[in-house]
């Protein structure tokens, strides 16, 4: 089994020169999550408005 230090070094090597791709992927996933939550919230608000009237 690899030690923590060995795993950390291996991960650093995997990301070396690929930080731009990793950050871009995180941004895309974050935006998709935000849009999903906003969409669900919008649907709930409209549902509540229908019940109030």
PDB file of N, CA and C in Angstrom:
ATOM      1  N   UNK A   1       0.847  -1.179   0.000  1.00  0.00           N
ATOM      2  CA  UNK A   1       0.000   0.000   0.000  1.00  0.00           C
ATOM      3  C   UNK A   1       0.891   1.240   0.000  1.00  0.00           C
ATOM      4  N   UNK A   2       0.480   2.218  -0.800  1.00  0.00           N
ATOM      5  CA  UNK A   2       1.257   3.445  -0.927  1.00  0.00           C
ATOM      6  C   UNK A   2       1.030   4.341   0.286  1.00  0.00           C
ATOM      7  N   UNK A   3       2.067   5.083   0.601  1.00  0.00           N
ATOM      8  CA  UNK A   3       1.936   6.035   1.698  1.00  0.00           C
ATOM      9  C   UNK A   3       1.231   7.288   1.200  1.00  0.00           C
ATOM     10  N   UNK A   4       0.839   8.115   2.141  1.00  0.00           N
ATOM     11  CA  UNK A   4       0.179   9.364   1.807  1.00  0.00           C
ATOM     12  C   UNK A   4       1.082  10.233   0.939  1.00  0.00           C
ATOM     13  N   UNK A   5       2.341  10.308   1.275  1.00  0.00           N
ATOM     14  CA  UNK A   5       3.300  11.120   0.524  1.00  0.00           C
ATOM     15  C   UNK A   5       3.449  10.611  -0.920  1.00  0.00           C
ATOM     16  N   UNK A   6       3.461   9.295  -1.093  1.00  0.00           N
ATOM     17  CA  UNK A   6       3.578   8.717  -2.437  1.00  0.00           C
ATOM     18  C   UNK A   6       2.331   9.034  -3.275  1.00  0.00           C
ATOM     19  N   UNK A   7       1.168   8.909  -2.661  1.00  0.00           N
ATOM     20  CA  UNK A   7      -0.071   9.227  -3.362  1.00  0.00           C
ATOM     21  C   UNK A   7      -0.112  10.705  -3.757  1.00  0.00           C
ATOM     22  N   UNK A   8       0.297  11.562  -2.830  1.00  0.00           N
ATOM     23  CA  UNK A   8       0.311  12.993  -3.102  1.00  0.00           C
ATOM     24  C   UNK A   8       1.238  13.315  -4.273  1.00  0.00           C
ATOM     25  N   UNK A   9       2.410  12.702  -4.294  1.00  0.00           N
ATOM     26  CA  UNK A   9       3.355  12.920  -5.379  1.00  0.00           C
ATOM     27  C   UNK A   9       2.798  12.416  -6.710  1.00  0.00           C
ATOM     28  N   UNK A  10       2.134  11.280  -6.690  1.00  0.00           N
ATOM     29  CA  UNK A  10       1.541  10.718  -7.901  1.00  0.00           C
ATOM     30  C   UNK A  10       0.453  11.635  -8.467  1.00  0.00           C
ATOM     31  N   UNK A  11      -0.389  12.165  -7.590  1.00  0.00           N
ATOM     32  CA  UNK A  11      -1.450  13.081  -8.012  1.00  0.00           C
ATOM     33  C   UNK A  11      -0.843  14.359  -8.590  1.00  0.00           C
ATOM     34  N   UNK A  12       0.188  14.858  -7.954  1.00  0.00           N
ATOM     35  CA  UNK A  12       0.846  16.062  -8.477  1.00  0.00           C
ATOM     36  C   UNK A  12       1.368  15.822  -9.890  1.00  0.00           C
ATOM     37  N   UNK A  13       1.917  14.654 -10.130  1.00  0.00           N
ATOM     38  CA  UNK A  13       2.438  14.324 -11.460  1.00  0.00           C
ATOM     39  C   UNK A  13       1.301  14.214 -12.480  1.00  0.00           C
ATOM     40  N   UNK A  14       0.170  13.662 -12.053  1.00  0.00           N
ATOM     41  CA  UNK A  14      -0.970  13.531 -12.962  1.00  0.00           C
ATOM     42  C   UNK A  14      -1.515  14.899 -13.380  1.00  0.00           C
ATOM     43  N   UNK A  15      -1.515  15.860 -12.460  1.00  0.00           N
ATOM     44  CA  UNK A  15      -2.059  17.178 -12.743  1.00  0.00           C
ATOM     45  C   UNK A  15      -1.045  18.129 -13.354  1.00  0.00           C
ATOM     46  N   UNK A  16       0.202  17.754 -13.373  1.00  0.00           N
ATOM     47  CA  UNK A  16       1.241  18.637 -13.887  1.00  0.00           C
ATOM     48  C   UNK A  16       0.933  19.010 -15.339  1.00  0.00           C
ATOM     49  N   UNK A  17       0.759  20.300 -15.580  1.00  0.00           N
ATOM     50  CA  UNK A  17       0.461  20.792 -16.915  1.00  0.00           C
ATOM     51  C   UNK A  17      -0.991  20.671 -17.317  1.00  0.00           C
ATOM     52  N   UNK A  18      -1.843  20.160 -16.429  1.00  0.00           N
ATOM     53  CA  UNK A  18      -3.266  19.959 -16.748  1.00  0.00           C
ATOM     54  C   UNK A  18      -4.192  20.747 -15.828  1.00  0.00           C
ATOM     55  N   UNK A  19      -3.671  21.737 -15.135  1.00  0.00           N
ATOM     56  CA  UNK A  19      -4.480  22.491 -14.188  1.00  0.00           C
ATOM     57  C   UNK A  19      -5.620  23.214 -14.882  1.00  0.00           C
ATOM     58  N   UNK A  20      -5.357  23.718 -16.074  1.00  0.00           N
ATOM     59  CA  UNK A  20      -6.389  24.454 -16.809  1.00  0.00           C
ATOM     60  C   UNK A  20      -7.601  23.562 -17.069  1.00  0.00           C
ATOM     61  N   UNK A  21      -7.360  22.341 -17.491  1.00  0.00           N
ATOM     62  CA  UNK A  21      -8.457  21.406 -17.762  1.00  0.00           C
ATOM     63  C   UNK A  21      -9.212  21.054 -16.486  1.00  0.00           C
ATOM     64  N   UNK A  22      -8.486  20.842 -15.402  1.00  0.00           N
ATOM     65  CA  UNK A  22      -9.126  20.479 -14.132  1.00  0.00           C
ATOM     66  C   UNK A  22     -10.000  21.615 -13.620  1.00  0.00           C
ATOM     67  N   UNK A  23      -9.497  22.837 -13.709  1.00  0.00           N
ATOM     68  CA  UNK A  23     -10.264  23.990 -13.236  1.00  0.00           C
ATOM     69  C   UNK A  23     -11.484  24.211 -14.124  1.00  0.00           C
ATOM     70  N   UNK A  24     -11.313  24.083 -15.423  1.00  0.00           N
ATOM     71  CA  UNK A  24     -12.433  24.243 -16.351  1.00  0.00           C
ATOM     72  C   UNK A  24     -13.524  23.204 -16.070  1.00  0.00           C
ATOM     73  N   UNK A  25     -13.124  21.982 -15.814  1.00  0.00           N
ATOM     74  CA  UNK A  25     -14.089  20.927 -15.494  1.00  0.00           C
ATOM     75  C   UNK A  25     -14.848  21.262 -14.209  1.00  0.00           C
ATOM     76  N   UNK A  26     -14.156  21.757 -13.203  1.00  0.00           N
ATOM     77  CA  UNK A  26     -14.812  22.133 -11.941  1.00  0.00           C
ATOM     78  C   UNK A  26     -15.813  23.264 -12.166  1.00  0.00           C
ATOM     79  N   UNK A  27     -15.449  24.229 -13.012  1.00  0.00           N
ATOM     80  CA  UNK A  27     -16.349  25.338 -13.301  1.00  0.00           C
ATOM     81  C   UNK A  27     -17.606  24.841 -14.012  1.00  0.00           C
ATOM     82  N   UNK A  28     -17.441  23.966 -14.982  1.00  0.00           N
ATOM     83  CA  UNK A  28     -18.588  23.425 -15.718  1.00  0.00           C
ATOM     84  C   UNK A  28     -19.526  22.673 -14.775  1.00  0.00           C
ATOM     85  N   UNK A  29     -18.973  21.821 -13.932  1.00  0.00           N
ATOM     86  CA  UNK A  29     -19.792  21.055 -12.983  1.00  0.00           C
ATOM     87  C   UNK A  29     -20.501  22.000 -12.017  1.00  0.00           C
ATOM     88  N   UNK A  30     -19.814  23.029 -11.543  1.00  0.00           N
ATOM     89  CA  UNK A  30     -20.419  23.997 -10.632  1.00  0.00           C
ATOM     90  C   UNK A  30     -21.570  24.733 -11.294  1.00  0.00           C
ATOM     91  N   UNK A  31     -21.379  25.171 -12.539  1.00  0.00           N
ATOM     92  CA  UNK A  31     -22.447  25.874 -13.251  1.00  0.00           C
ATOM     93  C   UNK A  31     -23.661  24.988 -13.475  1.00  0.00           C
ATOM     94  N   UNK A  32     -23.432  23.731 -13.831  1.00  0.00           N
ATOM     95  CA  UNK A  32     -24.543  22.803 -14.005  1.00  0.00           C
ATOM     96  C   UNK A  32     -25.312  22.612 -12.699  1.00  0.00           C
ATOM     97  N   UNK A  33     -24.596  22.527 -11.610  1.00  0.00           N
ATOM     98  CA  UNK A  33     -25.242  22.375 -10.299  1.00  0.00           C
ATOM     99  C   UNK A  33     -26.061  23.605  -9.949  1.00  0.00           C
ATOM    100  N   UNK A  34     -25.505  24.790 -10.206  1.00  0.00           N
ATOM    101  CA  UNK A  34     -26.209  26.037  -9.911  1.00  0.00           C
ATOM    102  C   UNK A  34     -27.493  26.128 -10.736  1.00  0.00           C
ATOM    103  N   UNK A  35     -27.406  25.822 -12.028  1.00  0.00           N
ATOM    104  CA  UNK A  35     -28.590  25.880 -12.879  1.00  0.00           C
ATOM    105  C   UNK A  35     -29.636  24.867 -12.448  1.00  0.00           C
ATOM    106  N   UNK A  36     -29.202  23.698 -12.016  1.00  0.00           N
ATOM    107  CA  UNK A  36     -30.139  22.679 -11.566  1.00  0.00           C
ATOM    108  C   UNK A  36     -30.883  23.141 -10.312  1.00  0.00           C
ATOM    109  N   UNK A  37     -30.158  23.688  -9.364  1.00  0.00           N
ATOM    110  CA  UNK A  37     -30.778  24.171  -8.129  1.00  0.00           C
ATOM    111  C   UNK A  37     -31.715  25.341  -8.428  1.00  0.00           C
ATOM    112  N   UNK A  38     -31.282  26.252  -9.285  1.00  0.00           N
ATOM    113  CA  UNK A  38     -32.115  27.407  -9.633  1.00  0.00           C
ATOM    114  C   UNK A  38     -33.393  26.962 -10.328  1.00  0.00           C
ATOM    115  N   UNK A  39     -33.287  25.994 -11.189  1.00  0.00           N
ATOM    116  CA  UNK A  39     -34.461  25.482 -11.905  1.00  0.00           C
ATOM    117  C   UNK A  39     -35.448  24.845 -10.929  1.00  0.00           C
ATOM    118  N   UNK A  40     -34.938  24.039 -10.030  1.00  0.00           N
ATOM    119  CA  UNK A  40     -35.817  23.394  -9.045  1.00  0.00           C
ATOM    120  C   UNK A  40     -36.472  24.422  -8.135  1.00  0.00           C
ATOM    121  N   UNK A  41     -35.719  25.443  -7.746  1.00  0.00           N
ATOM    122  CA  UNK A  41     -36.271  26.491  -6.881  1.00  0.00           C
ATOM    123  C   UNK A  41     -37.353  27.266  -7.605  1.00  0.00           C
ATOM    124  N   UNK A  42     -37.118  27.557  -8.877  1.00  0.00           N
ATOM    125  CA  UNK A  42     -38.102  28.284  -9.677  1.00  0.00           C
ATOM    126  C   UNK A  42     -39.393  27.482  -9.789  1.00  0.00           C
ATOM    127  N   UNK A  43     -39.272  26.187 -10.024  1.00  0.00           N
ATOM    128  CA  UNK A  43     -40.460  25.327 -10.118  1.00  0.00           C
ATOM    129  C   UNK A  43     -41.235  25.319  -8.807  1.00  0.00           C
ATOM    130  N   UNK A  44     -40.523  25.282  -7.689  1.00  0.00           N
ATOM    131  CA  UNK A  44     -41.186  25.263  -6.389  1.00  0.00           C
ATOM    132  C   UNK A  44     -41.905  26.574  -6.116  1.00  0.00           C
ATOM    133  N   UNK A  45     -41.271  27.692  -6.465  1.00  0.00           N
ATOM    134  CA  UNK A  45     -41.894  28.999  -6.246  1.00  0.00           C
ATOM    135  C   UNK A  45     -43.166  29.113  -7.072  1.00  0.00           C
ATOM    136  N   UNK A  46     -43.122  28.679  -8.323  1.00  0.00           N
ATOM    137  CA  UNK A  46     -44.314  28.744  -9.161  1.00  0.00           C
ATOM    138  C   UNK A  46     -45.409  27.835  -8.616  1.00  0.00           C
ATOM    139  N   UNK A  47     -45.017  26.699  -8.074  1.00  0.00           N
ATOM    140  CA  UNK A  47     -45.993  25.776  -7.498  1.00  0.00           C
ATOM    141  C   UNK A  47     -46.663  26.417  -6.278  1.00  0.00           C
ATOM    142  N   UNK A  48     -45.868  27.080  -5.447  1.00  0.00           N
ATOM    143  CA  UNK A  48     -46.407  27.735  -4.266  1.00  0.00           C
ATOM    144  C   UNK A  48     -47.331  28.884  -4.649  1.00  0.00           C
ATOM    145  N   UNK A  49     -46.962  29.633  -5.680  1.00  0.00           N
ATOM    146  CA  UNK A  49     -47.807  30.740  -6.119  1.00  0.00           C
ATOM    147  C   UNK A  49     -49.164  30.222  -6.587  1.00  0.00           C
ATOM    148  N   UNK A  50     -49.163  29.075  -7.251  1.00  0.00           N
ATOM    149  CA  UNK A  50     -50.419  28.480  -7.707  1.00  0.00           C
ATOM    150  C   UNK A  50     -51.307  28.071  -6.553  1.00  0.00           C
ATOM    151  N   UNK A  51     -50.716  27.627  -5.456  1.00  0.00           N
ATOM    152  CA  UNK A  51     -51.491  27.194  -4.300  1.00  0.00           C
ATOM    153  C   UNK A  51     -52.041  28.380  -3.526  1.00  0.00           C
ATOM    154  N   UNK A  52     -51.342  29.507  -3.542  1.00  0.00           N
ATOM    155  CA  UNK A  52     -51.770  30.695  -2.793  1.00  0.00           C
ATOM    156  C   UNK A  52     -52.984  31.317  -3.453  1.00  0.00           C
ATOM    157  N   UNK A  53     -53.024  31.326  -4.758  1.00  0.00           N
ATOM    158  CA  UNK A  53     -54.133  31.997  -5.476  1.00  0.00           C
ATOM    159  C   UNK A  53     -55.348  31.185  -5.450  1.00  0.00           C
TER     160      UNK A  53
END
